[in-house]
Amino acid sequence: ATYLDGLNPEQRCAVEHGVGQSSCPPLLVI
């Protein structure tokens, strides 16, 4: 996932949330 290296930690957290899980929980990005 080197294409994510330019993101800050919070941005990356939002990007990776639930990816790969069978059911992705709801996400609110403020």
Full PDB file with SEQRES, HELIX, SHEET, SSBOND, CRYST1, ORIGX, SCALE, CONECT and MASTER records, all heavy atoms in Angstrom:
SEQRES   1 A   30  ALA THR TYR LEU ASP GLY LEU ASN PRO GLU GLN ARG CYS          
SEQRES   2 A   30  ALA VAL GLU HIS GLY VAL GLY GLN SER SER CYS PRO PRO          
SEQRES   3 A   30  LEU LEU VAL ILE                                              
HELIX    1 AA1 THR A    2  LEU A    4  5                                   3    
HELIX    2 AA2 PRO A    9  GLU A   16  1                                   8    
CRYST1    1.000    1.000    1.000  90.00  90.00  90.00 P 1           1          
ORIGX1      1.000000  0.000000  0.000000        0.00000                         
ORIGX2      0.000000  1.000000  0.000000        0.00000                         
ORIGX3      0.000000  0.000000  1.000000        0.00000                         
SCALE1      1.000000  0.000000  0.000000        0.00000                         
SCALE2      0.000000  1.000000  0.000000        0.00000                         
SCALE3      0.000000  0.000000  1.000000        0.00000                         
ATOM      1  N   ALA A   1       0.829  -1.208   0.000  1.00  0.00           N  
ATOM      2  CA  ALA A   1       0.000   0.000   0.000  1.00  0.00           C  
ATOM      3  C   ALA A   1       0.859   1.252   0.000  1.00  0.00           C  
ATOM      4  O   ALA A   1       0.595   2.209   0.718  1.00  0.00           O  
ATOM      5  CB  ALA A   1      -0.939  -0.020   1.199  1.00  0.00           C  
ATOM      6  N   THR A   2       1.917   1.284  -0.811  1.00  0.00           N  
ATOM      7  CA  THR A   2       2.805   2.445  -0.841  1.00  0.00           C  
ATOM      8  C   THR A   2       2.087   3.687  -1.351  1.00  0.00           C  
ATOM      9  O   THR A   2       2.497   4.808  -1.050  1.00  0.00           O  
ATOM     10  CB  THR A   2       4.023   2.163  -1.733  1.00  0.00           C  
ATOM     11  OG1 THR A   2       3.552   1.756  -3.032  1.00  0.00           O  
ATOM     12  CG2 THR A   2       4.879   1.047  -1.154  1.00  0.00           C  
ATOM     13  N   TYR A   3       1.015   3.518  -2.120  1.00  0.00           N  
ATOM     14  CA  TYR A   3       0.276   4.663  -2.639  1.00  0.00           C  
ATOM     15  C   TYR A   3      -0.456   5.411  -1.530  1.00  0.00           C  
ATOM     16  O   TYR A   3      -0.993   6.493  -1.744  1.00  0.00           O  
ATOM     17  CB  TYR A   3      -0.720   4.219  -3.716  1.00  0.00           C  
ATOM     18  CG  TYR A   3      -1.757   3.221  -3.242  1.00  0.00           C  
ATOM     19  CD1 TYR A   3      -3.020   3.631  -2.824  1.00  0.00           C  
ATOM     20  CD2 TYR A   3      -1.471   1.859  -3.205  1.00  0.00           C  
ATOM     21  CE1 TYR A   3      -3.967   2.728  -2.386  1.00  0.00           C  
ATOM     22  CE2 TYR A   3      -2.413   0.939  -2.773  1.00  0.00           C  
ATOM     23  CZ  TYR A   3      -3.653   1.381  -2.358  1.00  0.00           C  
ATOM     24  OH  TYR A   3      -4.585   0.469  -1.925  1.00  0.00           O  
ATOM     25  N   LEU A   4      -0.462   4.825  -0.315  1.00  0.00           N  
ATOM     26  CA  LEU A   4      -1.072   5.501   0.831  1.00  0.00           C  
ATOM     27  C   LEU A   4      -0.050   6.262   1.670  1.00  0.00           C  
ATOM     28  O   LEU A   4      -0.416   6.915   2.645  1.00  0.00           O  
ATOM     29  CB  LEU A   4      -1.797   4.485   1.721  1.00  0.00           C  
ATOM     30  CG  LEU A   4      -2.894   3.632   1.072  1.00  0.00           C  
ATOM     31  CD1 LEU A   4      -3.528   2.718   2.112  1.00  0.00           C  
ATOM     32  CD2 LEU A   4      -3.953   4.511   0.422  1.00  0.00           C  
ATOM     33  N   ASP A   5       1.230   6.178   1.268  1.00  0.00           N  
ATOM     34  CA  ASP A   5       2.275   6.771   2.106  1.00  0.00           C  
ATOM     35  C   ASP A   5       2.171   8.290   2.210  1.00  0.00           C  
ATOM     36  O   ASP A   5       2.660   8.888   3.163  1.00  0.00           O  
ATOM     37  CB  ASP A   5       3.663   6.394   1.558  1.00  0.00           C  
ATOM     38  CG  ASP A   5       3.981   4.917   1.781  1.00  0.00           C  
ATOM     39  OD1 ASP A   5       3.234   4.267   2.544  1.00  0.00           O  
ATOM     40  OD2 ASP A   5       4.947   4.420   1.174  1.00  0.00           O  
ATOM     41  N   GLY A   6       1.546   8.929   1.227  1.00  0.00           N  
ATOM     42  CA  GLY A   6       1.429  10.379   1.257  1.00  0.00           C  
ATOM     43  C   GLY A   6       0.311  10.891   2.152  1.00  0.00           C  
ATOM     44  O   GLY A   6       0.149  12.103   2.313  1.00  0.00           O  
ATOM     45  N   LEU A   7      -0.465   9.977   2.738  1.00  0.00           N  
ATOM     46  CA  LEU A   7      -1.578  10.379   3.605  1.00  0.00           C  
ATOM     47  C   LEU A   7      -1.100  10.552   5.043  1.00  0.00           C  
ATOM     48  O   LEU A   7      -0.191   9.849   5.495  1.00  0.00           O  
ATOM     49  CB  LEU A   7      -2.682   9.325   3.561  1.00  0.00           C  
ATOM     50  CG  LEU A   7      -3.273   8.996   2.180  1.00  0.00           C  
ATOM     51  CD1 LEU A   7      -4.274   7.853   2.298  1.00  0.00           C  
ATOM     52  CD2 LEU A   7      -3.931  10.222   1.570  1.00  0.00           C  
ATOM     53  N   ASN A   8      -1.723  11.454   5.783  1.00  0.00           N  
ATOM     54  CA  ASN A   8      -1.390  11.567   7.200  1.00  0.00           C  
ATOM     55  C   ASN A   8      -2.117  10.447   7.963  1.00  0.00           C  
ATOM     56  O   ASN A   8      -2.980   9.763   7.405  1.00  0.00           O  
ATOM     57  CB  ASN A   8      -1.713  12.973   7.741  1.00  0.00           C  
ATOM     58  CG  ASN A   8      -3.199  13.300   7.745  1.00  0.00           C  
ATOM     59  OD1 ASN A   8      -4.032  12.454   8.097  1.00  0.00           O  
ATOM     60  ND2 ASN A   8      -3.540  14.537   7.388  1.00  0.00           N  
ATOM     61  N   PRO A   9      -1.786  10.215   9.232  1.00  0.00           N  
ATOM     62  CA  PRO A   9      -2.355   9.062   9.948  1.00  0.00           C  
ATOM     63  C   PRO A   9      -3.881   9.043   9.988  1.00  0.00           C  
ATOM     64  O   PRO A   9      -4.494   7.977   9.836  1.00  0.00           O  
ATOM     65  CB  PRO A   9      -1.764   9.200  11.357  1.00  0.00           C  
ATOM     66  CG  PRO A   9      -0.475   9.927  11.149  1.00  0.00           C  
ATOM     67  CD  PRO A   9      -0.732  10.880  10.020  1.00  0.00           C  
ATOM     68  N   GLU A  10      -4.511  10.201  10.177  1.00  0.00           N  
ATOM     69  CA  GLU A  10      -5.971  10.229  10.233  1.00  0.00           C  
ATOM     70  C   GLU A  10      -6.583   9.933   8.860  1.00  0.00           C  
ATOM     71  O   GLU A  10      -7.584   9.210   8.760  1.00  0.00           O  
ATOM     72  CB  GLU A  10      -6.453  11.596  10.736  1.00  0.00           C  
ATOM     73  CG  GLU A  10      -6.128  11.898  12.190  1.00  0.00           C  
ATOM     74  CD  GLU A  10      -4.664  12.245  12.406  1.00  0.00           C  
ATOM     75  OE1 GLU A  10      -4.001  12.679  11.440  1.00  0.00           O  
ATOM     76  OE2 GLU A  10      -4.178  12.075  13.544  1.00  0.00           O  
ATOM     77  N   GLN A  11      -6.010  10.510   7.815  1.00  0.00           N  
ATOM     78  CA  GLN A  11      -6.494  10.220   6.467  1.00  0.00           C  
ATOM     79  C   GLN A  11      -6.368   8.736   6.159  1.00  0.00           C  
ATOM     80  O   GLN A  11      -7.283   8.112   5.612  1.00  0.00           O  
ATOM     81  CB  GLN A  11      -5.712  11.041   5.436  1.00  0.00           C  
ATOM     82  CG  GLN A  11      -5.981  12.532   5.480  1.00  0.00           C  
ATOM     83  CD  GLN A  11      -5.060  13.308   4.558  1.00  0.00           C  
ATOM     84  OE1 GLN A  11      -3.934  12.878   4.287  1.00  0.00           O  
ATOM     85  NE2 GLN A  11      -5.523  14.452   4.077  1.00  0.00           N  
ATOM     86  N   ARG A  12      -5.242   8.156   6.512  1.00  0.00           N  
ATOM     87  CA  ARG A  12      -5.016   6.734   6.230  1.00  0.00           C  
ATOM     88  C   ARG A  12      -5.997   5.866   7.019  1.00  0.00           C  
ATOM     89  O   ARG A  12      -6.490   4.846   6.524  1.00  0.00           O  
ATOM     90  CB  ARG A  12      -3.572   6.355   6.559  1.00  0.00           C  
ATOM     91  CG  ARG A  12      -3.225   4.935   6.171  1.00  0.00           C  
ATOM     92  CD  ARG A  12      -1.752   4.731   5.966  1.00  0.00           C  
ATOM     93  NE  ARG A  12      -1.480   3.372   5.529  1.00  0.00           N  
ATOM     94  CZ  ARG A  12      -0.353   2.996   4.955  1.00  0.00           C  
ATOM     95  NH1 ARG A  12       0.607   3.883   4.726  1.00  0.00           N  
ATOM     96  NH2 ARG A  12      -0.158   1.737   4.596  1.00  0.00           N  
ATOM     97  N   CYS A  13      -6.272   6.272   8.242  1.00  0.00           N  
ATOM     98  CA  CYS A  13      -7.249   5.539   9.059  1.00  0.00           C  
ATOM     99  C   CYS A  13      -8.611   5.521   8.370  1.00  0.00           C  
ATOM    100  O   CYS A  13      -9.291   4.487   8.317  1.00  0.00           O  
ATOM    101  CB  CYS A  13      -7.344   6.185  10.433  1.00  0.00           C  
ATOM    102  SG  CYS A  13      -8.479   5.368  11.571  1.00  0.00           S  
ATOM    103  N   ALA A  14      -9.016   6.669   7.820  1.00  0.00           N  
ATOM    104  CA  ALA A  14     -10.301   6.745   7.116  1.00  0.00           C  
ATOM    105  C   ALA A  14     -10.286   5.895   5.856  1.00  0.00           C  
ATOM    106  O   ALA A  14     -11.277   5.229   5.526  1.00  0.00           O  
ATOM    107  CB  ALA A  14     -10.613   8.202   6.772  1.00  0.00           C  
ATOM    108  N   VAL A  15      -9.180   5.902   5.137  1.00  0.00           N  
ATOM    109  CA  VAL A  15      -9.066   5.151   3.881  1.00  0.00           C  
ATOM    110  C   VAL A  15      -9.126   3.651   4.136  1.00  0.00           C  
ATOM    111  O   VAL A  15      -9.777   2.898   3.395  1.00  0.00           O  
ATOM    112  CB  VAL A  15      -7.757   5.537   3.157  1.00  0.00           C  
ATOM    113  CG1 VAL A  15      -7.449   4.556   2.026  1.00  0.00           C  
ATOM    114  CG2 VAL A  15      -7.852   6.958   2.610  1.00  0.00           C  
ATOM    115  N   GLU A  16      -8.488   3.182   5.185  1.00  0.00           N  
ATOM    116  CA  GLU A  16      -8.352   1.741   5.409  1.00  0.00           C  
ATOM    117  C   GLU A  16      -9.491   1.145   6.224  1.00  0.00           C  
ATOM    118  O   GLU A  16      -9.592  -0.080   6.350  1.00  0.00           O  
ATOM    119  CB  GLU A  16      -7.015   1.459   6.117  1.00  0.00           C  
ATOM    120  CG  GLU A  16      -5.804   1.794   5.253  1.00  0.00           C  
ATOM    121  CD  GLU A  16      -4.483   1.500   5.949  1.00  0.00           C  
ATOM    122  OE1 GLU A  16      -4.404   1.700   7.189  1.00  0.00           O  
ATOM    123  OE2 GLU A  16      -3.544   1.082   5.273  1.00  0.00           O  
ATOM    124  N   HIS A  17     -10.370   1.972   6.763  1.00  0.00           N  
ATOM    125  CA  HIS A  17     -11.446   1.483   7.635  1.00  0.00           C  
ATOM    126  C   HIS A  17     -12.268   0.381   6.959  1.00  0.00           C  
ATOM    127  O   HIS A  17     -12.861   0.581   5.898  1.00  0.00           O  
ATOM    128  CB  HIS A  17     -12.373   2.633   8.019  1.00  0.00           C  
ATOM    129  CG  HIS A  17     -13.656   2.186   8.650  1.00  0.00           C  
ATOM    130  ND1 HIS A  17     -13.742   1.815   9.980  1.00  0.00           N  
ATOM    131  CD2 HIS A  17     -14.910   2.031   8.135  1.00  0.00           C  
ATOM    132  CE1 HIS A  17     -14.986   1.466  10.253  1.00  0.00           C  
ATOM    133  NE2 HIS A  17     -15.717   1.584   9.151  1.00  0.00           N  
ATOM    134  N   GLY A  18     -12.313  -0.779   7.591  1.00  0.00           N  
ATOM    135  CA  GLY A  18     -13.186  -1.868   7.164  1.00  0.00           C  
ATOM    136  C   GLY A  18     -12.837  -2.532   5.860  1.00  0.00           C  
ATOM    137  O   GLY A  18     -13.540  -3.463   5.431  1.00  0.00           O  
ATOM    138  N   VAL A  19     -11.785  -2.083   5.176  1.00  0.00           N  
ATOM    139  CA  VAL A  19     -11.427  -2.683   3.884  1.00  0.00           C  
ATOM    140  C   VAL A  19     -10.943  -4.110   4.110  1.00  0.00           C  
ATOM    141  O   VAL A  19     -10.091  -4.371   4.963  1.00  0.00           O  
ATOM    142  CB  VAL A  19     -10.345  -1.847   3.170  1.00  0.00           C  
ATOM    143  CG1 VAL A  19      -9.894  -2.542   1.883  1.00  0.00           C  
ATOM    144  CG2 VAL A  19     -10.872  -0.456   2.867  1.00  0.00           C  
ATOM    145  N   GLY A  20     -11.502  -5.039   3.350  1.00  0.00           N  
ATOM    146  CA  GLY A  20     -11.137  -6.451   3.491  1.00  0.00           C  
ATOM    147  C   GLY A  20     -12.030  -7.214   4.438  1.00  0.00           C  
ATOM    148  O   GLY A  20     -12.009  -8.443   4.459  1.00  0.00           O  
ATOM    149  N   GLN A  21     -12.857  -6.519   5.229  1.00  0.00           N  
ATOM    150  CA  GLN A  21     -13.789  -7.208   6.120  1.00  0.00           C  
ATOM    151  C   GLN A  21     -15.015  -7.671   5.338  1.00  0.00           C  
ATOM    152  O   GLN A  21     -15.388  -7.074   4.325  1.00  0.00           O  
ATOM    153  CB  GLN A  21     -14.228  -6.281   7.258  1.00  0.00           C  
ATOM    154  CG  GLN A  21     -13.095  -5.828   8.169  1.00  0.00           C  
ATOM    155  CD  GLN A  21     -13.587  -4.933   9.290  1.00  0.00           C  
ATOM    156  OE1 GLN A  21     -14.773  -4.898   9.600  1.00  0.00           O  
ATOM    157  NE2 GLN A  21     -12.669  -4.201   9.907  1.00  0.00           N  
ATOM    158  N   SER A  22     -15.633  -8.731   5.802  1.00  0.00           N  
ATOM    159  CA  SER A  22     -16.821  -9.246   5.115  1.00  0.00           C  
ATOM    160  C   SER A  22     -17.968  -8.240   5.163  1.00  0.00           C  
ATOM    161  O   SER A  22     -18.774  -8.147   4.249  1.00  0.00           O  
ATOM    162  CB  SER A  22     -17.256 -10.571   5.744  1.00  0.00           C  
ATOM    163  OG  SER A  22     -17.489 -10.403   7.136  1.00  0.00           O  
ATOM    164  N   SER A  23     -18.040  -7.482   6.245  1.00  0.00           N  
ATOM    165  CA  SER A  23     -19.046  -6.432   6.353  1.00  0.00           C  
ATOM    166  C   SER A  23     -18.369  -5.185   6.888  1.00  0.00           C  
ATOM    167  O   SER A  23     -17.821  -5.193   8.002  1.00  0.00           O  
ATOM    168  CB  SER A  23     -20.179  -6.846   7.295  1.00  0.00           C  
ATOM    169  OG  SER A  23     -21.114  -5.800   7.440  1.00  0.00           O  
ATOM    170  N   CYS A  24     -18.388  -4.127   6.103  1.00  0.00           N  
ATOM    171  CA  CYS A  24     -17.689  -2.893   6.475  1.00  0.00           C  
ATOM    172  C   CYS A  24     -18.597  -2.034   7.342  1.00  0.00           C  
ATOM    173  O   CYS A  24     -19.654  -1.589   6.892  1.00  0.00           O  
ATOM    174  CB  CYS A  24     -17.282  -2.143   5.211  1.00  0.00           C  
ATOM    175  SG  CYS A  24     -16.392  -0.613   5.535  1.00  0.00           S  
ATOM    176  N   PRO A  25     -18.228  -1.757   8.606  1.00  0.00           N  
ATOM    177  CA  PRO A  25     -19.077  -0.950   9.487  1.00  0.00           C  
ATOM    178  C   PRO A  25     -19.222   0.476   8.957  1.00  0.00           C  
ATOM    179  O   PRO A  25     -18.365   0.956   8.208  1.00  0.00           O  
ATOM    180  CB  PRO A  25     -18.322  -0.971  10.824  1.00  0.00           C  
ATOM    181  CG  PRO A  25     -17.329  -2.076  10.717  1.00  0.00           C  
ATOM    182  CD  PRO A  25     -16.993  -2.196   9.272  1.00  0.00           C  
ATOM    183  N   PRO A  26     -20.297   1.174   9.353  1.00  0.00           N  
ATOM    184  CA  PRO A  26     -20.482   2.558   8.892  1.00  0.00           C  
ATOM    185  C   PRO A  26     -19.375   3.466   9.400  1.00  0.00           C  
ATOM    186  O   PRO A  26     -18.839   3.282  10.494  1.00  0.00           O  
ATOM    187  CB  PRO A  26     -21.846   2.948   9.466  1.00  0.00           C  
ATOM    188  CG  PRO A  26     -22.084   2.013  10.606  1.00  0.00           C  
ATOM    189  CD  PRO A  26     -21.399   0.732  10.238  1.00  0.00           C  
ATOM    190  N   LEU A  27     -19.050   4.476   8.577  1.00  0.00           N  
ATOM    191  CA  LEU A  27     -17.941   5.379   8.885  1.00  0.00           C  
ATOM    192  C   LEU A  27     -18.376   6.820   8.648  1.00  0.00           C  
ATOM    193  O   LEU A  27     -18.969   7.142   7.618  1.00  0.00           O  
ATOM    194  CB  LEU A  27     -16.741   5.057   7.989  1.00  0.00           C  
ATOM    195  CG  LEU A  27     -15.553   6.041   8.031  1.00  0.00           C  
ATOM    196  CD1 LEU A  27     -14.871   6.008   9.400  1.00  0.00           C  
ATOM    197  CD2 LEU A  27     -14.540   5.717   6.921  1.00  0.00           C  
ATOM    198  N   LEU A  28     -18.083   7.687   9.609  1.00  0.00           N  
ATOM    199  CA  LEU A  28     -18.283   9.122   9.464  1.00  0.00           C  
ATOM    200  C   LEU A  28     -16.916   9.797   9.507  1.00  0.00           C  
ATOM    201  O   LEU A  28     -16.182   9.665  10.484  1.00  0.00           O  
ATOM    202  CB  LEU A  28     -19.158   9.663  10.603  1.00  0.00           C  
ATOM    203  CG  LEU A  28     -19.239  11.189  10.749  1.00  0.00           C  
ATOM    204  CD1 LEU A  28     -19.826  11.838   9.504  1.00  0.00           C  
ATOM    205  CD2 LEU A  28     -20.050  11.572  11.993  1.00  0.00           C  
ATOM    206  N   VAL A  29     -16.570  10.501   8.427  1.00  0.00           N  
ATOM    207  CA  VAL A  29     -15.313  11.243   8.367  1.00  0.00           C  
ATOM    208  C   VAL A  29     -15.635  12.721   8.538  1.00  0.00           C  
ATOM    209  O   VAL A  29     -16.287  13.330   7.680  1.00  0.00           O  
ATOM    210  CB  VAL A  29     -14.581  11.006   7.030  1.00  0.00           C  
ATOM    211  CG1 VAL A  29     -13.259  11.786   7.014  1.00  0.00           C  
ATOM    212  CG2 VAL A  29     -14.319   9.525   6.814  1.00  0.00           C  
ATOM    213  N   ILE A  30     -15.230  13.297   9.669  1.00  0.00           N  
ATOM    214  CA  ILE A  30     -15.388  14.725   9.904  1.00  0.00           C  
ATOM    215  C   ILE A  30     -14.157  15.406   9.325  1.00  0.00           C  
ATOM    216  O   ILE A  30     -13.059  15.308   9.869  1.00  0.00           O  
ATOM    217  CB  ILE A  30     -15.525  15.036  11.406  1.00  0.00           C  
ATOM    218  CG1 ILE A  30     -16.768  14.353  11.981  1.00  0.00           C  
ATOM    219  CG2 ILE A  30     -15.587  16.544  11.631  1.00  0.00           C  
ATOM    220  CD1 ILE A  30     -18.069  14.849  11.392  1.00  0.00           C  
TER     221      ILE A  30                                                      
MASTER        0    0    0    2    0    0    0    6  220    1    0    3          
END                                                                             
